[in-house]
Each structure stands twice: as C-alpha cells, then as structure tokens.
Amino acid sequence: LINPVHAAEPISPLTPSPYLPISRRFINFTYTRPE
C-alpha cells in the first residue's frame, strides 16, 4: 500500500502532501526515473 501518487505541480515548490494533489486524474511525474 503506497501513498497517493496523484499529479503534482510542474515546477518547484512542490506540495509535500500526497493528499492534496493538483489532479486525481493523472500521475505525479516527479516519481519518474529518467534512466
């Protein structure tokens, strides 16, 4: 069971709370691994 990974802001500062997302429709792309 993981914390919500809903969408966040595109640039800093990022809201710390995963329970206050920008959108529940999409995914938080800051969790992406570039490599």
PDB file of all heavy atoms in Angstrom:
ATOM      1  N   LEU A   1       0.865  -1.183   0.000  1.00  0.00           N
ATOM      2  CA  LEU A   1       0.000   0.000   0.000  1.00  0.00           C
ATOM      3  C   LEU A   1       0.894   1.223   0.000  1.00  0.00           C
ATOM      4  O   LEU A   1       1.696   1.413   0.919  1.00  0.00           O
ATOM      5  CB  LEU A   1      -0.899  -0.001   1.237  1.00  0.00           C
ATOM      6  CG  LEU A   1      -1.644   1.299   1.551  1.00  0.00           C
ATOM      7  CD1 LEU A   1      -2.563   1.714   0.409  1.00  0.00           C
ATOM      8  CD2 LEU A   1      -2.430   1.176   2.853  1.00  0.00           C
ATOM      9  N   ILE A   2       0.773   2.048  -1.045  1.00  0.00           N
ATOM     10  CA  ILE A   2       1.600   3.246  -1.142  1.00  0.00           C
ATOM     11  C   ILE A   2       0.736   4.496  -0.986  1.00  0.00           C
ATOM     12  O   ILE A   2      -0.484   4.455  -1.134  1.00  0.00           O
ATOM     13  CB  ILE A   2       2.360   3.308  -2.485  1.00  0.00           C
ATOM     14  CG1 ILE A   2       1.382   3.338  -3.677  1.00  0.00           C
ATOM     15  CG2 ILE A   2       3.331   2.145  -2.604  1.00  0.00           C
ATOM     16  CD1 ILE A   2       2.051   3.587  -5.019  1.00  0.00           C
ATOM     17  N   ASN A   3       1.388   5.601  -0.681  1.00  0.00           N
ATOM     18  CA  ASN A   3       0.704   6.889  -0.585  1.00  0.00           C
ATOM     19  C   ASN A   3       0.142   7.268  -1.949  1.00  0.00           C
ATOM     20  O   ASN A   3       0.573   6.741  -2.988  1.00  0.00           O
ATOM     21  CB  ASN A   3       1.676   7.962  -0.116  1.00  0.00           C
ATOM     22  CG  ASN A   3       2.904   8.062  -1.025  1.00  0.00           C
ATOM     23  OD1 ASN A   3       3.868   7.313  -0.831  1.00  0.00           O
ATOM     24  ND2 ASN A   3       2.880   8.956  -2.005  1.00  0.00           N
ATOM     25  N   PRO A   4      -0.830   8.183  -2.003  1.00  0.00           N
ATOM     26  CA  PRO A   4      -1.345   8.619  -3.301  1.00  0.00           C
ATOM     27  C   PRO A   4      -0.219   9.138  -4.189  1.00  0.00           C
ATOM     28  O   PRO A   4       0.674   9.847  -3.725  1.00  0.00           O
ATOM     29  CB  PRO A   4      -2.325   9.735  -2.939  1.00  0.00           C
ATOM     30  CG  PRO A   4      -2.764   9.417  -1.545  1.00  0.00           C
ATOM     31  CD  PRO A   4      -1.554   8.835  -0.882  1.00  0.00           C
ATOM     32  N   VAL A   5      -0.275   8.790  -5.467  1.00  0.00           N
ATOM     33  CA  VAL A   5       0.707   9.289  -6.436  1.00  0.00           C
ATOM     34  C   VAL A   5      -0.009  10.093  -7.513  1.00  0.00           C
ATOM     35  O   VAL A   5       0.320  10.033  -8.691  1.00  0.00           O
ATOM     36  CB  VAL A   5       1.548   8.142  -7.047  1.00  0.00           C
ATOM     37  CG1 VAL A   5       2.493   7.564  -6.009  1.00  0.00           C
ATOM     38  CG2 VAL A   5       0.655   7.042  -7.634  1.00  0.00           C
ATOM     39  N   HIS A   6      -1.012  10.859  -7.077  1.00  0.00           N
ATOM     40  CA  HIS A   6      -1.727  11.744  -7.996  1.00  0.00           C
ATOM     41  C   HIS A   6      -0.806  12.872  -8.467  1.00  0.00           C
ATOM     42  O   HIS A   6       0.230  13.152  -7.871  1.00  0.00           O
ATOM     43  CB  HIS A   6      -2.940  12.362  -7.302  1.00  0.00           C
ATOM     44  CG  HIS A   6      -3.899  11.377  -6.729  1.00  0.00           C
ATOM     45  ND1 HIS A   6      -4.408  10.319  -7.438  1.00  0.00           N
ATOM     46  CD2 HIS A   6      -4.459  11.282  -5.485  1.00  0.00           C
ATOM     47  CE1 HIS A   6      -5.248   9.634  -6.685  1.00  0.00           C
ATOM     48  NE2 HIS A   6      -5.288  10.195  -5.488  1.00  0.00           N
ATOM     49  N   ALA A   7      -1.247  13.564  -9.513  1.00  0.00           N
ATOM     50  CA  ALA A   7      -0.441  14.593 -10.170  1.00  0.00           C
ATOM     51  C   ALA A   7      -0.104  15.766  -9.252  1.00  0.00           C
ATOM     52  O   ALA A   7      -0.907  16.164  -8.404  1.00  0.00           O
ATOM     53  CB  ALA A   7      -1.166  15.106 -11.414  1.00  0.00           C
ATOM     54  N   ALA A   8       1.079  16.324  -9.476  1.00  0.00           N
ATOM     55  CA  ALA A   8       1.579  17.438  -8.663  1.00  0.00           C
ATOM     56  C   ALA A   8       1.879  18.645  -9.551  1.00  0.00           C
ATOM     57  O   ALA A   8       1.572  18.663 -10.748  1.00  0.00           O
ATOM     58  CB  ALA A   8       2.835  17.008  -7.918  1.00  0.00           C
ATOM     59  N   GLU A   9       2.509  19.660  -8.964  1.00  0.00           N
ATOM     60  CA  GLU A   9       2.895  20.854  -9.701  1.00  0.00           C
ATOM     61  C   GLU A   9       4.022  20.519 -10.691  1.00  0.00           C
ATOM     62  O   GLU A   9       4.775  19.567 -10.491  1.00  0.00           O
ATOM     63  CB  GLU A   9       3.379  21.951  -8.745  1.00  0.00           C
ATOM     64  CG  GLU A   9       2.322  22.449  -7.778  1.00  0.00           C
ATOM     65  CD  GLU A   9       2.274  21.663  -6.475  1.00  0.00           C
ATOM     66  OE1 GLU A   9       2.903  20.581  -6.399  1.00  0.00           O
ATOM     67  OE2 GLU A   9       1.595  22.122  -5.549  1.00  0.00           O
ATOM     68  N   PRO A  10       4.179  21.338 -11.739  1.00  0.00           N
ATOM     69  CA  PRO A  10       5.216  21.060 -12.738  1.00  0.00           C
ATOM     70  C   PRO A  10       6.599  21.568 -12.354  1.00  0.00           C
ATOM     71  O   PRO A  10       7.604  21.085 -12.862  1.00  0.00           O
ATOM     72  CB  PRO A  10       4.698  21.803 -13.977  1.00  0.00           C
ATOM     73  CG  PRO A  10       3.944  22.968 -13.415  1.00  0.00           C
ATOM     74  CD  PRO A  10       3.300  22.451 -12.156  1.00  0.00           C
ATOM     75  N   ILE A  11       6.658  22.581 -11.494  1.00  0.00           N
ATOM     76  CA  ILE A  11       7.944  23.137 -11.062  1.00  0.00           C
ATOM     77  C   ILE A  11       7.880  23.414  -9.566  1.00  0.00           C
ATOM     78  O   ILE A  11       6.812  23.455  -8.970  1.00  0.00           O
ATOM     79  CB  ILE A  11       8.313  24.432 -11.827  1.00  0.00           C
ATOM     80  CG1 ILE A  11       7.224  25.494 -11.647  1.00  0.00           C
ATOM     81  CG2 ILE A  11       8.531  24.154 -13.309  1.00  0.00           C
ATOM     82  CD1 ILE A  11       7.590  26.840 -12.276  1.00  0.00           C
ATOM     83  N   SER A  12       9.034  23.609  -8.979  1.00  0.00           N
ATOM     84  CA  SER A  12       9.114  23.879  -7.550  1.00  0.00           C
ATOM     85  C   SER A  12       8.498  25.242  -7.237  1.00  0.00           C
ATOM     86  O   SER A  12       8.523  26.151  -8.080  1.00  0.00           O
ATOM     87  CB  SER A  12      10.573  23.856  -7.094  1.00  0.00           C
ATOM     88  OG  SER A  12      11.162  22.610  -7.422  1.00  0.00           O
ATOM     89  N   PRO A  13       7.924  25.396  -6.016  1.00  0.00           N
ATOM     90  CA  PRO A  13       7.892  24.415  -4.928  1.00  0.00           C
ATOM     91  C   PRO A  13       6.770  23.394  -5.094  1.00  0.00           C
ATOM     92  O   PRO A  13       5.680  23.732  -5.562  1.00  0.00           O
ATOM     93  CB  PRO A  13       7.661  25.289  -3.687  1.00  0.00           C
ATOM     94  CG  PRO A  13       6.869  26.457  -4.223  1.00  0.00           C
ATOM     95  CD  PRO A  13       7.398  26.714  -5.603  1.00  0.00           C
ATOM     96  N   LEU A  14       7.070  22.160  -4.727  1.00  0.00           N
ATOM     97  CA  LEU A  14       6.100  21.078  -4.816  1.00  0.00           C
ATOM     98  C   LEU A  14       5.366  20.930  -3.485  1.00  0.00           C
ATOM     99  O   LEU A  14       5.978  21.031  -2.424  1.00  0.00           O
ATOM    100  CB  LEU A  14       6.809  19.759  -5.149  1.00  0.00           C
ATOM    101  CG  LEU A  14       7.652  19.738  -6.425  1.00  0.00           C
ATOM    102  CD1 LEU A  14       8.341  18.387  -6.573  1.00  0.00           C
ATOM    103  CD2 LEU A  14       6.807  20.046  -7.648  1.00  0.00           C
ATOM    104  N   THR A  15       4.061  20.697  -3.547  1.00  0.00           N
ATOM    105  CA  THR A  15       3.275  20.490  -2.329  1.00  0.00           C
ATOM    106  C   THR A  15       3.693  19.171  -1.687  1.00  0.00           C
ATOM    107  O   THR A  15       3.646  18.122  -2.338  1.00  0.00           O
ATOM    108  CB  THR A  15       1.772  20.445  -2.652  1.00  0.00           C
ATOM    109  OG1 THR A  15       1.386  21.693  -3.232  1.00  0.00           O
ATOM    110  CG2 THR A  15       0.955  20.182  -1.408  1.00  0.00           C
ATOM    111  N   PRO A  16       4.120  19.181  -0.423  1.00  0.00           N
ATOM    112  CA  PRO A  16       4.572  17.937   0.203  1.00  0.00           C
ATOM    113  C   PRO A  16       3.479  16.879   0.345  1.00  0.00           C
ATOM    114  O   PRO A  16       3.738  15.689   0.170  1.00  0.00           O
ATOM    115  CB  PRO A  16       5.074  18.392   1.582  1.00  0.00           C
ATOM    116  CG  PRO A  16       5.351  19.846   1.423  1.00  0.00           C
ATOM    117  CD  PRO A  16       4.343  20.348   0.442  1.00  0.00           C
ATOM    118  N   SER A  17       2.256  17.310   0.640  1.00  0.00           N
ATOM    119  CA  SER A  17       1.217  16.332   0.945  1.00  0.00           C
ATOM    120  C   SER A  17       0.739  15.596  -0.295  1.00  0.00           C
ATOM    121  O   SER A  17       0.253  16.219  -1.251  1.00  0.00           O
ATOM    122  CB  SER A  17       0.016  17.008   1.613  1.00  0.00           C
ATOM    123  OG  SER A  17      -1.036  16.066   1.772  1.00  0.00           O
ATOM    124  N   PRO A  18       0.803  14.260  -0.289  1.00  0.00           N
ATOM    125  CA  PRO A  18       0.254  13.486  -1.408  1.00  0.00           C
ATOM    126  C   PRO A  18      -1.266  13.472  -1.385  1.00  0.00           C
ATOM    127  O   PRO A  18      -1.894  13.003  -2.337  1.00  0.00           O
ATOM    128  CB  PRO A  18       0.833  12.084  -1.179  1.00  0.00           C
ATOM    129  CG  PRO A  18       1.061  12.005   0.296  1.00  0.00           C
ATOM    130  CD  PRO A  18       1.443  13.395   0.722  1.00  0.00           C
ATOM    131  N   TYR A  19      -1.848  13.982  -0.298  1.00  0.00           N
ATOM    132  CA  TYR A  19      -3.307  14.019  -0.172  1.00  0.00           C
ATOM    133  C   TYR A  19      -3.888  15.369  -0.603  1.00  0.00           C
ATOM    134  O   TYR A  19      -5.077  15.614  -0.418  1.00  0.00           O
ATOM    135  CB  TYR A  19      -3.713  13.698   1.269  1.00  0.00           C
ATOM    136  CG  TYR A  19      -3.442  12.253   1.624  1.00  0.00           C
ATOM    137  CD1 TYR A  19      -2.242  11.881   2.213  1.00  0.00           C
ATOM    138  CD2 TYR A  19      -4.373  11.266   1.332  1.00  0.00           C
ATOM    139  CE1 TYR A  19      -1.971  10.555   2.507  1.00  0.00           C
ATOM    140  CE2 TYR A  19      -4.120   9.935   1.628  1.00  0.00           C
ATOM    141  CZ  TYR A  19      -2.911   9.582   2.212  1.00  0.00           C
ATOM    142  OH  TYR A  19      -2.656   8.261   2.495  1.00  0.00           O
ATOM    143  N   LEU A  20      -3.047  16.221  -1.180  1.00  0.00           N
ATOM    144  CA  LEU A  20      -3.518  17.500  -1.718  1.00  0.00           C
ATOM    145  C   LEU A  20      -3.005  17.630  -3.155  1.00  0.00           C
ATOM    146  O   LEU A  20      -2.195  18.498  -3.475  1.00  0.00           O
ATOM    147  CB  LEU A  20      -3.029  18.664  -0.857  1.00  0.00           C
ATOM    148  CG  LEU A  20      -3.615  20.048  -1.171  1.00  0.00           C
ATOM    149  CD1 LEU A  20      -5.130  20.058  -1.038  1.00  0.00           C
ATOM    150  CD2 LEU A  20      -2.992  21.103  -0.277  1.00  0.00           C
ATOM    151  N   PRO A  21      -3.470  16.761  -4.058  1.00  0.00           N
ATOM    152  CA  PRO A  21      -2.933  16.735  -5.419  1.00  0.00           C
ATOM    153  C   PRO A  21      -3.499  17.839  -6.302  1.00  0.00           C
ATOM    154  O   PRO A  21      -4.555  18.408  -6.019  1.00  0.00           O
ATOM    155  CB  PRO A  21      -3.370  15.356  -5.926  1.00  0.00           C
ATOM    156  CG  PRO A  21      -4.671  15.102  -5.218  1.00  0.00           C
ATOM    157  CD  PRO A  21      -4.484  15.702  -3.833  1.00  0.00           C
ATOM    158  N   ILE A  22      -2.794  18.097  -7.386  1.00  0.00           N
ATOM    159  CA  ILE A  22      -3.262  19.039  -8.394  1.00  0.00           C
ATOM    160  C   ILE A  22      -4.400  18.414  -9.198  1.00  0.00           C
ATOM    161  O   ILE A  22      -5.342  19.084  -9.605  1.00  0.00           O
ATOM    162  CB  ILE A  22      -2.104  19.434  -9.327  1.00  0.00           C
ATOM    163  CG1 ILE A  22      -1.046  20.206  -8.536  1.00  0.00           C
ATOM    164  CG2 ILE A  22      -2.607  20.244 -10.507  1.00  0.00           C
ATOM    165  CD1 ILE A  22      -1.571  21.405  -7.777  1.00  0.00           C
ATOM    166  N   SER A  23      -4.311  17.104  -9.408  1.00  0.00           N
ATOM    167  CA  SER A  23      -5.346  16.357 -10.119  1.00  0.00           C
ATOM    168  C   SER A  23      -5.286  14.907  -9.670  1.00  0.00           C
ATOM    169  O   SER A  23      -4.200  14.332  -9.531  1.00  0.00           O
ATOM    170  CB  SER A  23      -5.126  16.438 -11.637  1.00  0.00           C
ATOM    171  OG  SER A  23      -5.968  15.527 -12.318  1.00  0.00           O
ATOM    172  N   ARG A  24      -6.460  14.315  -9.434  1.00  0.00           N
ATOM    173  CA  ARG A  24      -6.513  12.881  -9.122  1.00  0.00           C
ATOM    174  C   ARG A  24      -6.606  12.054 -10.398  1.00  0.00           C
ATOM    175  O   ARG A  24      -6.522  10.837 -10.351  1.00  0.00           O
ATOM    176  CB  ARG A  24      -7.703  12.568  -8.218  1.00  0.00           C
ATOM    177  CG  ARG A  24      -7.599  13.120  -6.822  1.00  0.00           C
ATOM    178  CD  ARG A  24      -8.713  12.618  -5.938  1.00  0.00           C
ATOM    179  NE  ARG A  24     -10.028  13.091  -6.350  1.00  0.00           N
ATOM    180  CZ  ARG A  24     -11.171  12.738  -5.779  1.00  0.00           C
ATOM    181  NH1 ARG A  24     -11.158  11.870  -4.779  1.00  0.00           N
ATOM    182  NH2 ARG A  24     -12.329  13.233  -6.202  1.00  0.00           N
ATOM    183  N   ARG A  25      -6.779  12.733 -11.497  1.00  0.00           N
ATOM    184  CA  ARG A  25      -6.947  12.050 -12.780  1.00  0.00           C
ATOM    185  C   ARG A  25      -5.623  11.524 -13.323  1.00  0.00           C
ATOM    186  O   ARG A  25      -5.583  10.535 -14.059  1.00  0.00           O
ATOM    187  CB  ARG A  25      -7.575  13.037 -13.767  1.00  0.00           C
ATOM    188  CG  ARG A  25      -7.741  12.557 -15.182  1.00  0.00           C
ATOM    189  CD  ARG A  25      -8.832  11.533 -15.331  1.00  0.00           C
ATOM    190  NE  ARG A  25      -9.028  11.250 -16.744  1.00  0.00           N
ATOM    191  CZ  ARG A  25      -8.253  10.446 -17.469  1.00  0.00           C
ATOM    192  NH1 ARG A  25      -7.224   9.843 -16.907  1.00  0.00           N
ATOM    193  NH2 ARG A  25      -8.502  10.245 -18.751  1.00  0.00           N
ATOM    194  N   PHE A  26      -4.502  12.182 -12.956  1.00  0.00           N
ATOM    195  CA  PHE A  26      -3.206  11.831 -13.531  1.00  0.00           C
ATOM    196  C   PHE A  26      -2.165  11.500 -12.462  1.00  0.00           C
ATOM    197  O   PHE A  26      -2.435  11.572 -11.266  1.00  0.00           O
ATOM    198  CB  PHE A  26      -2.727  12.953 -14.455  1.00  0.00           C
ATOM    199  CG  PHE A  26      -3.576  13.084 -15.691  1.00  0.00           C
ATOM    200  CD1 PHE A  26      -4.494  14.126 -15.815  1.00  0.00           C
ATOM    201  CD2 PHE A  26      -3.485  12.153 -16.705  1.00  0.00           C
ATOM    202  CE1 PHE A  26      -5.298  14.226 -16.934  1.00  0.00           C
ATOM    203  CE2 PHE A  26      -4.293  12.245 -17.824  1.00  0.00           C
ATOM    204  CZ  PHE A  26      -5.204  13.282 -17.947  1.00  0.00           C
ATOM    205  N   ILE A  27      -0.975  11.132 -12.942  1.00  0.00           N
ATOM    206  CA  ILE A  27       0.089  10.601 -12.095  1.00  0.00           C
ATOM    207  C   ILE A  27       1.138  11.677 -11.821  1.00  0.00           C
ATOM    208  O   ILE A  27       1.409  12.538 -12.669  1.00  0.00           O
ATOM    209  CB  ILE A  27       0.754   9.388 -12.791  1.00  0.00           C
ATOM    210  CG1 ILE A  27      -0.275   8.304 -13.094  1.00  0.00           C
ATOM    211  CG2 ILE A  27       1.875   8.816 -11.918  1.00  0.00           C
ATOM    212  CD1 ILE A  27      -0.971   7.763 -11.882  1.00  0.00           C
ATOM    213  N   ASN A  28       1.751  11.592 -10.665  1.00  0.00           N
ATOM    214  CA  ASN A  28       2.808  12.525 -10.274  1.00  0.00           C
ATOM    215  C   ASN A  28       4.089  12.184 -11.028  1.00  0.00           C
ATOM    216  O   ASN A  28       4.787  11.225 -10.701  1.00  0.00           O
ATOM    217  CB  ASN A  28       3.031  12.426  -8.763  1.00  0.00           C
ATOM    218  CG  ASN A  28       3.981  13.476  -8.248  1.00  0.00           C
ATOM    219  OD1 ASN A  28       4.826  13.982  -8.980  1.00  0.00           O
ATOM    220  ND2 ASN A  28       3.863  13.795  -6.975  1.00  0.00           N
ATOM    221  N   PHE A  29       4.406  12.997 -12.049  1.00  0.00           N
ATOM    222  CA  PHE A  29       5.568  12.659 -12.878  1.00  0.00           C
ATOM    223  C   PHE A  29       6.900  12.949 -12.203  1.00  0.00           C
ATOM    224  O   PHE A  29       7.956  12.626 -12.754  1.00  0.00           O
ATOM    225  CB  PHE A  29       5.509  13.326 -14.262  1.00  0.00           C
ATOM    226  CG  PHE A  29       5.123  14.785 -14.296  1.00  0.00           C
ATOM    227  CD1 PHE A  29       5.796  15.732 -13.545  1.00  0.00           C
ATOM    228  CD2 PHE A  29       4.086  15.210 -15.118  1.00  0.00           C
ATOM    229  CE1 PHE A  29       5.451  17.071 -13.596  1.00  0.00           C
ATOM    230  CE2 PHE A  29       3.733  16.560 -15.190  1.00  0.00           C
ATOM    231  CZ  PHE A  29       4.421  17.492 -14.431  1.00  0.00           C
ATOM    232  N   THR A  30       6.900  13.516 -11.007  1.00  0.00           N
ATOM    233  CA  THR A  30       8.180  13.686 -10.310  1.00  0.00           C
ATOM    234  C   THR A  30       8.722  12.350  -9.809  1.00  0.00           C
ATOM    235  O   THR A  30       9.881  12.259  -9.418  1.00  0.00           O
ATOM    236  CB  THR A  30       8.054  14.669  -9.125  1.00  0.00           C
ATOM    237  OG1 THR A  30       7.285  14.083  -8.080  1.00  0.00           O
ATOM    238  CG2 THR A  30       7.419  15.974  -9.556  1.00  0.00           C
ATOM    239  N   TYR A  31       7.876  11.288  -9.820  1.00  0.00           N
ATOM    240  CA  TYR A  31       8.325   9.953  -9.421  1.00  0.00           C
ATOM    241  C   TYR A  31       9.009   9.201 -10.563  1.00  0.00           C
ATOM    242  O   TYR A  31       9.411   8.047 -10.407  1.00  0.00           O
ATOM    243  CB  TYR A  31       7.141   9.119  -8.926  1.00  0.00           C
ATOM    244  CG  TYR A  31       6.653   9.470  -7.542  1.00  0.00           C
ATOM    245  CD1 TYR A  31       5.413  10.061  -7.342  1.00  0.00           C
ATOM    246  CD2 TYR A  31       7.426   9.181  -6.420  1.00  0.00           C
ATOM    247  CE1 TYR A  31       4.951  10.369  -6.072  1.00  0.00           C
ATOM    248  CE2 TYR A  31       6.981   9.485  -5.141  1.00  0.00           C
ATOM    249  CZ  TYR A  31       5.735  10.078  -4.976  1.00  0.00           C
ATOM    250  OH  TYR A  31       5.280  10.379  -3.716  1.00  0.00           O
ATOM    251  N   THR A  32       9.139   9.818 -11.730  1.00  0.00           N
ATOM    252  CA  THR A  32       9.750   9.167 -12.885  1.00  0.00           C
ATOM    253  C   THR A  32      11.239   8.910 -12.642  1.00  0.00           C
ATOM    254  O   THR A  32      11.931   9.735 -12.045  1.00  0.00           O
ATOM    255  CB  THR A  32       9.582  10.056 -14.130  1.00  0.00           C
ATOM    256  OG1 THR A  32       8.191  10.220 -14.399  1.00  0.00           O
ATOM    257  CG2 THR A  32      10.245   9.440 -15.342  1.00  0.00           C
ATOM    258  N   ARG A  33      11.736   7.779 -13.137  1.00  0.00           N
ATOM    259  CA  ARG A  33      13.183   7.507 -13.131  1.00  0.00           C
ATOM    260  C   ARG A  33      13.710   7.770 -14.551  1.00  0.00           C
ATOM    261  O   ARG A  33      13.409   7.007 -15.483  1.00  0.00           O
ATOM    262  CB  ARG A  33      13.452   6.064 -12.724  1.00  0.00           C
ATOM    263  CG  ARG A  33      14.927   5.654 -12.758  1.00  0.00           C
ATOM    264  CD  ARG A  33      15.788   6.392 -11.733  1.00  0.00           C
ATOM    265  NE  ARG A  33      15.503   5.983 -10.381  1.00  0.00           N
ATOM    266  CZ  ARG A  33      16.177   5.024  -9.714  1.00  0.00           C
ATOM    267  NH1 ARG A  33      17.175   4.404 -10.318  1.00  0.00           N
ATOM    268  NH2 ARG A  33      15.862   4.740  -8.472  1.00  0.00           N
ATOM    269  N   PRO A  34      14.487   8.837 -14.757  1.00  0.00           N
ATOM    270  CA  PRO A  34      14.935   9.207 -16.107  1.00  0.00           C
ATOM    271  C   PRO A  34      15.670   8.087 -16.846  1.00  0.00           C
ATOM    272  O   PRO A  34      15.457   7.883 -18.044  1.00  0.00           O
ATOM    273  CB  PRO A  34      15.860  10.404 -15.848  1.00  0.00           C
ATOM    274  CG  PRO A  34      15.327  11.007 -14.580  1.00  0.00           C
ATOM    275  CD  PRO A  34      14.890   9.825 -13.754  1.00  0.00           C
ATOM    276  N   GLU A  35      16.533   7.360 -16.148  1.00  0.00           N
ATOM    277  CA  GLU A  35      17.345   6.336 -16.809  1.00  0.00           C
ATOM    278  C   GLU A  35      16.525   5.165 -17.336  1.00  0.00           C
ATOM    279  O   GLU A  35      17.014   4.379 -18.157  1.00  0.00           O
ATOM    280  CB  GLU A  35      18.418   5.804 -15.848  1.00  0.00           C
ATOM    281  CG  GLU A  35      19.409   6.863 -15.397  1.00  0.00           C
ATOM    282  CD  GLU A  35      19.002   7.560 -14.108  1.00  0.00           C
ATOM    283  OE1 GLU A  35      17.784   7.693 -13.860  1.00  0.00           O
ATOM    284  OE2 GLU A  35      19.891   7.948 -13.335  1.00  0.00           O
TER     285      GLU A  35
END
